[in-house]
Amino acid sequence: MAQDLRSYLKQLAERQPDDIVVIDEEVPWNCGPSTIVEKLESRGEYPLVYCKNVQGSDIPLIINLGASYSRMSLALGYDSIETLQQELGRREADPIDWNEVKPEDAPVKEVILTGEDANLDLLPIIQHNEFDAGRYIDAAPLVMKERGTGEYNAGIYRHQKQGKHQLGVMINAANHGNYVRAEYEDYDEPTPCYLVVGHHPALFMSAVAKIPGVGKEIEVAGSFLGEAMNMVPAETIDMLVPADAEIIIEGTIPANKRQFEGPFGEWPKYYYKEGDQPYMSVSAITMRKKPIYQTVYNSHAEHHIIGAVPRLGSLYRRITEAVPHVKAVNLPLSAMGRSHIYISLTKRAEGEPKQAAMAAFVAESSIKHAIVVDDDIDVFNEADVLWCMAMRFQADRDLAIIQNTLGSHLNPTAYGHDRLTKGNMETKLIFDATKPLPPYEFPKVAKAPVEAFEKLDLEKTTRTYDSGKDESLW
């Protein structure tokens, strides 16, 4: 059996049943599922939410799958984010070619709708935040075929429902998908493409990962899965689509045509980016007989974690290529899993921390500030990182400022060439919070002896306070 969304949900139900919440009653398409997620968040709970009935559709919906590091780690069979990032980086470098199957062996071909029948109204596309421009598909990798090479590129973007057969396409100028689309436009040709709605988390992680070059996301998804992705010919475009998906939406992006799109709640937790954007003309929808629709709650925990985890693997790999002795990297949720990176390394030469930070900037343009620390610091413990900043960093010596670099156009403070207009440039900062190398002697950290710490068994040594026994202590 191929791994897909259903195999993952079954695994989750067996291993972490408390991570699934089921909603039986009908929920409105206008912010219904996302309001449930936000209410759970207010109680410090981040389960996957399964909505059996969404207003206006017969198809159930899941949301918040990616709002937990443990659920993302479970998808690849690991129990810690530290191990997962290293394994993602390793597997990313070892893609597995896809396997083509016959249409009769493809679950996503159980229902085939083309032309007027390919109606987006059939799907439970929802509005997520109060002032989003409307209903959005936001958890589906958009797959395009590079003109000339035929290489497949996949990325996750936002797609506003603009009619029964039309979806907006808003892609960051720095993303490889934008280069693929723009090349077709240079030749005044439509861009063939499709959206994958509902599949194993491995596909979504590969679509978000920062893979060198324009393509290979489908092959990297196979490597993440540990098996080749099953692919089957599309109905209306000359491409192969994932055979085990829940829903595929096929179409083309017309050249040099635009429609007003946005605003939409983006990862910086602001509504942002509205204006004329390309759009996709839908030509076919294929799906399982009883599909599951998947969406992400934008601007919230799921949006940040599902964006951070795959990038960690890519960043670990790319930074290690520049500086071999990297211990770990973290895209902290305090910066929405995008804008800040913490890097720990075993420093062998002065200057390596800046080299590591610059490798991170090249791999992920959304990173704005890089803090590099020694290998005794846990980059997943933000208090330790900030302590290191306070005690091992001096701005006049250890701060590097890099102006006018490619950044995130979604950051409200990003600027254009003249600094008076909005754009996609940012000023990057590198904080070298590492200790200087010998012969300089840096003070030792105050702590208990390592041997005593490792030998101590707290279960045998301690007990909780007992008012009857211990009253005389006072």
Foldseek 3Di string as FASTA:
>chain_A
DDAKQVNLVVVCCVPPVVQEAEAADEAELEQGVLVVQVVCVVVVHQHWYWYCHYPQENAIEIERQQLDPQSLQVLLPDRDLLVLLQLLLVLLVPFAAAAEDELVPFQLFQDKAFDPRQFPSRDSFGAHDDPKPTGKFFQWWKWFQAPPPRAIATATDIWPCPGRFKTFDDDWCPALVVVRQVVCLVVQHWIWIKIFFGIRLLLLLLNLELRPDNHRSQRSSCSSNVHHFYWYADDPDGDTDGRHTAKMWTFIWGHPDWDWHDQGQALQRDGDDTDIGIMTGTGMMTGHPRGYGYHYNHNDSSRLSSNQSSHQNNLVNQLCVQPVFWSGKFQDCVRSNFAEMETEGADDDPPSQVSSVVSSCVSHVAHAEYEYEYPVADRHPVVSSVVLCVPQFDCVPFKDKAFFAFHTLGPPCAADPVSPHRDGTHIHMYGHSYHDDPPDDDDDDDDDDPVVVVPDDCVVVDDDDDCVVCVVVD
